[in-house]
Amino acid sequence: MNEIFLFDALREATDEEMQRDPSVFILGEDVGHYGGSYKVTKDLHAKYGDLRVLDTPIAENSFMGMAIGSAMTGLRPIVEGMNMSFLLLAFNQISNNAGMLRYTSGGNFKIPLVIRGPGGVGRQLGAEHSQRLEAYFQAIPGLKIVACSTPYNAKGLLKSAIRDDNPVILFEHVLLYNSKQEIPVNEYFVALDKAELVKEGSDVTIVTYSRMRHHVMEAVNYLVKDGYDPEVLDLISLKPIDLQSIVISLRKTHRLIIVEECMKTGGIAAEIIAQINDNYFDLLDAPMVRLSSQDIPTPYNGNLEKATVIHPKQIIDSVRLLLK
């Protein structure tokens, strides 16, 4: 086992796949000489050169289109968004081209494209740099979407995404890059369509993903001392949602809390609630609980910023109220 930061786990995955397959290359703003805004591509330019670690202009729509075109012709591009909110400038290419071309070409083109980069609410990064875009992209047909939460699943997910023949968006949380964990020295992969059972339990199912996994586990560690026994699922896959894993858990607990950093309106939790209501309502012994960020631009002020997102105390209070 090797203890490693999350950003280094992503770097290892990229390096291993570039070394294995010469068709893999990375492009984005400052990914080359600078090594990426969070050092995920550090030293890769010196190893692989200008054509495989490509610094781009500040023109997201242009280099996303270039990446999609290269994927159509047999390459396997990795696009790093310096901040995932910038990718709104490339929304047309991602939705109308990356997501649809395999279908609209009658299967003549594969789009083995990975889009990855930092997002989420950081520490006083301001509204435009604190966006959570997973719900924006979830509605686009043809995309796969995953969110890493630990160094272990970050590396395994990125390696799986690079080898997939479909466009995959990997969301990385800006506050998790310096989290550390021991990961295997030997090669491994993490499935792009499966949730992870983080903790078994019997009282209530808590579904979460990305940074909120850590807030949930902080709350759960406190709740266990009070005699509660929550079950925790890390979604990992946001599209498709691994509904069966949620249902298996619900058959035991019959209660559901969803914790996300996404906005409440039209978020990932909203989609899960809709699917459970449509197909598995009879499994519930209590109304489902949705803990989401407030529907406002993220304030720059630190105290106001903190107030917009979910924290462990709110999770603890929700579990106690649900099991009252």
Protein backbone atom coordinates (compact mmCIF):
# COMPACT_ATOMS: atom_id res chain seq x y z
CA MET A 1 0.00 0.00 0.00
CA ASN A 2 1.09 3.56 -0.69
CA GLU A 3 -0.25 6.64 1.13
CA ILE A 4 -0.97 9.35 -1.40
CA PHE A 5 -2.76 12.67 -1.91
CA LEU A 6 -5.84 12.70 -4.14
CA PHE A 7 -4.18 14.99 -6.69
CA ASP A 8 -1.23 12.59 -6.88
CA ALA A 9 -3.59 9.63 -7.33
CA LEU A 10 -5.09 11.39 -10.36
CA ARG A 11 -1.61 12.15 -11.65
CA GLU A 12 -0.56 8.51 -11.27
CA ALA A 13 -3.63 7.33 -13.19
CA THR A 14 -2.90 9.78 -16.02
CA ASP A 15 0.78 8.86 -16.17
CA GLU A 16 0.09 5.10 -16.16
CA GLU A 17 -2.47 5.36 -18.95
CA MET A 18 -0.30 7.67 -21.07
CA GLN A 19 2.61 5.28 -20.68
CA ARG A 20 0.45 2.28 -21.61
CA ASP A 21 -1.35 3.84 -24.59
CA PRO A 22 0.28 6.43 -26.91
CA SER A 23 -3.17 7.60 -28.08
CA VAL A 24 -3.87 9.12 -24.63
CA PHE A 25 -3.06 12.81 -24.30
CA ILE A 26 -4.09 15.69 -22.04
CA LEU A 27 -5.00 19.27 -22.91
CA GLY A 28 -6.19 22.33 -21.06
CA GLU A 29 -5.12 25.64 -19.60
CA ASP A 30 -1.77 25.47 -17.77
CA VAL A 31 -1.62 21.66 -17.81
CA GLY A 32 1.85 21.66 -19.39
CA HIS A 33 4.77 23.72 -18.10
CA TYR A 34 2.84 24.84 -14.99
CA GLY A 35 1.67 21.33 -14.14
CA GLY A 36 -2.02 22.13 -13.72
CA SER A 37 -3.72 24.53 -11.32
CA TYR A 38 -3.85 21.75 -8.67
CA LYS A 39 -0.69 19.93 -9.86
CA VAL A 40 -2.51 16.91 -11.29
CA THR A 41 -0.28 17.06 -14.41
CA LYS A 42 2.95 18.03 -12.64
CA ASP A 43 6.10 16.86 -14.53
CA LEU A 44 4.08 15.12 -17.27
CA HIS A 45 5.09 17.74 -19.85
CA ALA A 46 8.78 17.00 -19.29
CA LYS A 47 8.09 13.29 -19.75
CA TYR A 48 5.70 13.34 -22.73
CA GLY A 49 6.32 16.65 -24.54
CA ASP A 50 4.19 19.35 -26.16
CA LEU A 51 2.00 17.12 -28.33
CA ARG A 52 0.75 14.90 -25.51
CA VAL A 53 0.55 17.50 -22.74
CA LEU A 54 -0.92 20.43 -24.59
CA ASP A 55 -1.24 23.91 -23.10
CA THR A 56 -4.26 25.62 -24.65
CA PRO A 57 -5.44 29.22 -24.95
CA ILE A 58 -8.24 30.42 -22.69
CA ALA A 59 -10.84 29.19 -25.18
CA GLU A 60 -12.85 26.33 -23.71
CA ASN A 61 -15.24 26.06 -26.64
CA SER A 62 -12.33 25.69 -29.08
CA PHE A 63 -10.19 23.14 -27.26
CA MET A 64 -13.23 21.05 -26.27
CA GLY A 65 -14.19 20.86 -29.92
CA MET A 66 -10.61 19.92 -30.79
CA ALA A 67 -10.66 17.16 -28.15
CA ILE A 68 -13.94 15.73 -29.48
CA GLY A 69 -12.61 15.78 -33.04
CA SER A 70 -9.43 13.97 -31.96
CA ALA A 71 -11.52 11.35 -30.14
CA MET A 72 -13.51 10.74 -33.34
CA THR A 73 -10.27 10.01 -35.20
CA GLY A 74 -8.93 7.48 -32.68
CA LEU A 75 -7.15 9.43 -29.96
CA ARG A 76 -8.13 9.36 -26.27
CA PRO A 77 -8.08 12.96 -25.00
CA ILE A 78 -8.28 14.05 -21.36
CA VAL A 79 -9.57 17.61 -21.04
CA GLU A 80 -8.71 19.36 -17.78
CA GLY A 81 -10.99 22.25 -16.91
CA MET A 82 -9.00 24.68 -14.77
CA ASN A 83 -12.31 25.14 -12.97
CA MET A 84 -15.34 23.10 -14.00
CA SER A 85 -17.48 26.24 -14.14
CA PHE A 86 -15.43 27.36 -17.15
CA LEU A 87 -16.80 24.38 -19.07
CA LEU A 88 -20.13 26.17 -19.40
CA LEU A 89 -18.35 27.96 -22.25
CA ALA A 90 -18.03 24.55 -23.94
CA PHE A 91 -21.56 23.38 -23.17
CA ASN A 92 -22.53 23.25 -26.84
CA GLN A 93 -19.63 20.97 -27.73
CA ILE A 94 -20.23 18.70 -24.73
CA SER A 95 -23.98 18.37 -25.29
CA ASN A 96 -24.44 18.51 -29.06
CA ASN A 97 -21.20 16.80 -30.03
CA ALA A 98 -19.63 14.68 -27.27
CA GLY A 99 -22.92 13.32 -25.97
CA MET A 100 -24.67 12.75 -29.28
CA LEU A 101 -22.15 11.96 -32.03
CA ARG A 102 -21.95 8.22 -31.39
CA TYR A 103 -25.73 8.05 -31.78
CA THR A 104 -26.16 10.55 -34.62
CA SER A 105 -23.38 8.89 -36.62
CA GLY A 106 -25.14 5.55 -36.39
CA GLY A 107 -22.31 4.16 -34.30
CA ASN A 108 -19.63 5.07 -36.85
CA PHE A 109 -17.77 7.22 -34.32
CA LYS A 110 -16.72 6.45 -30.77
CA ILE A 111 -16.00 9.37 -28.43
CA PRO A 112 -13.40 8.12 -25.88
CA LEU A 113 -13.18 11.47 -24.12
CA VAL A 114 -12.53 12.29 -20.45
CA ILE A 115 -13.42 15.71 -19.05
CA ARG A 116 -12.13 16.31 -15.53
CA GLY A 117 -11.26 19.11 -13.14
CA PRO A 118 -12.03 20.90 -9.86
CA GLY A 119 -15.45 22.13 -8.80
CA GLY A 120 -17.64 22.56 -5.75
CA VAL A 121 -17.68 25.14 -2.98
CA GLY A 122 -14.12 25.89 -1.92
CA ARG A 123 -13.01 28.51 0.54
CA GLN A 124 -14.06 31.96 -0.57
CA LEU A 125 -13.59 31.39 -4.28
CA GLY A 126 -16.63 33.49 -5.15
CA ALA A 127 -19.87 32.54 -6.90
CA GLU A 128 -18.49 31.85 -10.37
CA HIS A 129 -15.73 29.56 -9.06
CA SER A 130 -17.95 27.69 -6.60
CA GLN A 131 -20.36 26.04 -9.01
CA ARG A 132 -21.63 22.48 -8.91
CA LEU A 133 -22.41 21.53 -12.49
CA GLU A 134 -23.31 17.86 -12.11
CA ALA A 135 -27.05 18.53 -12.49
CA TYR A 136 -26.40 20.69 -15.59
CA PHE A 137 -24.71 17.78 -17.37
CA GLN A 138 -26.91 15.00 -16.00
CA ALA A 139 -29.66 15.85 -18.48
CA ILE A 140 -27.40 15.34 -21.52
CA PRO A 141 -27.93 11.97 -23.27
CA GLY A 142 -24.79 9.98 -24.04
CA LEU A 143 -22.59 11.15 -21.15
CA LYS A 144 -21.33 9.20 -18.17
CA ILE A 145 -20.76 11.24 -15.00
CA VAL A 146 -18.77 10.21 -11.91
CA ALA A 147 -17.61 12.05 -8.79
CA CYS A 148 -14.54 10.97 -6.83
CA SER A 149 -14.34 11.33 -3.05
CA THR A 150 -11.12 9.55 -2.01
CA PRO A 151 -7.65 9.01 -3.51
CA TYR A 152 -8.55 5.34 -4.03
CA ASN A 153 -11.67 5.90 -6.10
CA ALA A 154 -10.16 8.94 -7.86
CA LYS A 155 -7.37 6.86 -9.37
CA GLY A 156 -9.56 3.87 -10.20
CA LEU A 157 -12.28 6.00 -11.76
CA LEU A 158 -9.88 7.99 -13.93
CA LYS A 159 -8.22 4.84 -15.26
CA SER A 160 -11.64 3.34 -16.06
CA ALA A 161 -12.79 6.58 -17.69
CA ILE A 162 -9.73 6.82 -19.93
CA ARG A 163 -10.31 3.28 -21.22
CA ASP A 164 -14.03 3.77 -21.81
CA ASP A 165 -15.18 4.40 -25.38
CA ASN A 166 -17.78 6.96 -24.30
CA PRO A 167 -17.47 10.54 -23.00
CA VAL A 168 -17.00 10.58 -19.22
CA ILE A 169 -17.08 13.64 -16.95
CA LEU A 170 -15.12 13.22 -13.71
CA PHE A 171 -15.97 15.76 -11.01
CA GLU A 172 -13.20 16.43 -8.48
CA HIS A 173 -13.86 18.56 -5.41
CA VAL A 174 -11.50 21.47 -4.92
CA LEU A 175 -11.22 20.81 -1.15
CA LEU A 176 -10.37 17.11 -1.52
CA TYR A 177 -7.12 17.35 -3.52
CA ASN A 178 -5.03 17.30 -0.33
CA SER A 179 -6.90 14.41 1.29
CA LYS A 180 -4.68 11.36 1.87
CA GLN A 181 -5.29 7.62 1.81
CA GLU A 182 -3.38 4.40 1.35
CA ILE A 183 -4.02 2.89 -2.08
CA PRO A 184 -2.76 -0.35 -3.66
CA VAL A 185 0.59 -0.36 -5.45
CA ASN A 186 -0.79 -2.82 -8.02
CA GLU A 187 -3.08 -1.66 -10.83
CA TYR A 188 -6.81 -1.49 -10.10
CA PHE A 189 -9.97 0.01 -11.55
CA VAL A 190 -13.23 1.39 -10.11
CA ALA A 191 -16.49 0.80 -11.99
CA LEU A 192 -18.06 3.87 -13.58
CA ASP A 193 -21.65 2.77 -12.84
CA LYS A 194 -21.60 1.44 -9.25
CA ALA A 195 -22.17 3.06 -5.86
CA GLU A 196 -19.86 2.21 -2.97
CA LEU A 197 -21.21 0.84 0.30
CA VAL A 198 -19.17 2.92 2.74
CA LYS A 199 -20.81 1.66 5.94
CA GLU A 200 -23.41 -1.02 6.57
CA GLY A 201 -26.32 -0.21 8.86
CA SER A 202 -29.98 -0.89 9.57
CA ASP A 203 -31.69 2.33 10.72
CA VAL A 204 -31.57 4.70 7.76
CA THR A 205 -29.91 4.88 4.33
CA ILE A 206 -27.77 7.99 3.75
CA VAL A 207 -26.86 8.53 0.09
CA THR A 208 -24.16 11.05 -0.74
CA TYR A 209 -21.19 11.75 -3.02
CA SER A 210 -18.00 13.81 -3.39
CA ARG A 211 -17.03 16.07 -0.45
CA MET A 212 -20.32 15.40 1.36
CA ARG A 213 -19.19 11.81 1.95
CA HIS A 214 -16.76 13.19 4.52
CA HIS A 215 -19.41 15.37 6.18
CA VAL A 216 -21.72 12.36 6.34
CA MET A 217 -19.08 10.11 7.90
CA GLU A 218 -18.26 12.78 10.47
CA ALA A 219 -21.95 12.87 11.41
CA VAL A 220 -22.24 9.07 11.38
CA ASN A 221 -19.28 8.64 13.73
CA TYR A 222 -21.11 10.88 16.19
CA LEU A 223 -24.49 9.15 15.69
CA VAL A 224 -23.05 5.68 16.26
CA LYS A 225 -21.94 6.75 19.74
CA ASP A 226 -25.59 7.60 20.46
CA GLY A 227 -26.78 4.17 19.38
CA TYR A 228 -27.91 4.93 15.82
CA ASP A 229 -26.90 2.61 12.97
CA PRO A 230 -27.01 4.44 9.59
CA GLU A 231 -26.04 2.81 6.30
CA VAL A 232 -23.96 5.04 3.99
CA LEU A 233 -23.74 4.85 0.20
CA ASP A 234 -21.32 6.94 -1.89
CA LEU A 235 -23.06 7.28 -5.27
CA ILE A 236 -19.81 7.74 -7.26
CA SER A 237 -21.83 7.34 -10.48
CA LEU A 238 -24.11 10.33 -11.04
CA LYS A 239 -25.13 9.19 -14.53
CA PRO A 240 -26.32 6.51 -14.60
CA ILE A 241 -27.46 6.54 -10.97
CA ASP A 242 -26.97 3.13 -9.37
CA LEU A 243 -30.56 2.91 -8.20
CA GLN A 244 -30.35 -0.80 -7.44
CA SER A 245 -27.75 -0.27 -4.73
CA ILE A 246 -30.02 2.33 -3.13
CA VAL A 247 -32.99 -0.05 -3.34
CA ILE A 248 -31.05 -2.93 -1.78
CA SER A 249 -30.25 -0.65 1.15
CA LEU A 250 -33.84 0.64 1.40
CA ARG A 251 -35.15 -2.91 1.71
CA LYS A 252 -33.23 -3.03 5.01
CA THR A 253 -33.73 0.47 6.40
CA HIS A 254 -36.97 1.78 4.76
CA ARG A 255 -35.75 5.36 5.30
CA LEU A 256 -33.72 7.59 3.01
CA ILE A 257 -31.67 10.77 3.48
CA ILE A 258 -29.78 12.25 0.50
CA VAL A 259 -26.91 14.63 1.23
CA GLU A 260 -25.42 16.66 -1.60
CA GLU A 261 -23.56 19.89 -2.26
CA CYS A 262 -25.59 20.38 -5.44
CA MET A 263 -28.37 22.95 -5.52
CA LYS A 264 -31.70 21.68 -4.23
CA THR A 265 -33.75 22.63 -7.31
CA GLY A 266 -33.20 20.08 -10.07
CA GLY A 267 -30.26 18.45 -8.28
CA ILE A 268 -29.04 14.87 -8.08
CA ALA A 269 -31.16 14.32 -4.95
CA ALA A 270 -34.26 15.49 -6.81
CA GLU A 271 -33.67 12.87 -9.49
CA ILE A 272 -33.18 10.07 -6.94
CA ILE A 273 -36.35 11.09 -5.09
CA ALA A 274 -38.32 11.08 -8.35
CA GLN A 275 -37.07 7.60 -9.29
CA ILE A 276 -37.78 6.16 -5.83
CA ASN A 277 -41.26 7.72 -5.85
CA ASP A 278 -41.98 6.31 -9.30
CA ASN A 279 -40.74 2.78 -8.69
CA TYR A 280 -40.14 1.95 -5.02
CA PHE A 281 -42.48 4.12 -2.97
CA ASP A 282 -43.80 1.09 -1.05
CA LEU A 283 -40.35 0.51 0.48
CA LEU A 284 -40.55 3.76 2.44
CA ASP A 285 -41.72 3.99 6.05
CA ALA A 286 -41.12 7.76 6.21
CA PRO A 287 -40.83 10.71 3.81
CA MET A 288 -37.47 11.02 2.05
CA VAL A 289 -35.19 13.80 3.29
CA ARG A 290 -33.16 16.00 0.95
CA LEU A 291 -30.20 17.96 2.36
CA SER A 292 -28.86 20.22 -0.39
CA SER A 293 -27.17 23.57 -0.84
CA GLN A 294 -29.31 26.67 -0.94
CA ASP A 295 -30.48 27.96 -4.31
CA ILE A 296 -28.36 31.10 -4.28
CA PRO A 297 -25.02 32.16 -5.79
CA THR A 298 -22.31 31.13 -3.32
CA PRO A 299 -21.34 34.19 -1.25
CA TYR A 300 -17.70 35.30 -1.01
CA ASN A 301 -18.09 36.08 2.70
CA GLY A 302 -16.77 33.06 4.60
CA ASN A 303 -19.58 32.82 7.16
CA LEU A 304 -22.29 33.26 4.54
CA GLU A 305 -20.57 30.73 2.26
CA LYS A 306 -20.53 28.18 5.10
CA ALA A 307 -24.22 28.75 5.70
CA THR A 308 -25.16 27.79 2.15
CA VAL A 309 -23.91 24.17 2.28
CA ILE A 310 -24.76 21.15 4.44
CA HIS A 311 -22.69 20.42 7.54
CA PRO A 312 -22.53 17.41 9.91
CA LYS A 313 -24.88 18.92 12.51
CA GLN A 314 -27.71 19.17 9.97
CA ILE A 315 -27.19 15.52 9.05
CA ILE A 316 -27.22 14.48 12.73
CA ASP A 317 -30.41 16.46 13.37
CA SER A 318 -32.11 14.96 10.30
CA VAL A 319 -31.31 11.38 11.32
CA ARG A 320 -32.59 11.98 14.85
CA LEU A 321 -35.80 13.58 13.58
CA LEU A 322 -36.41 10.80 11.04
CA LEU A 323 -35.92 8.05 13.66
CA LYS A 324 -37.81 9.86 16.43
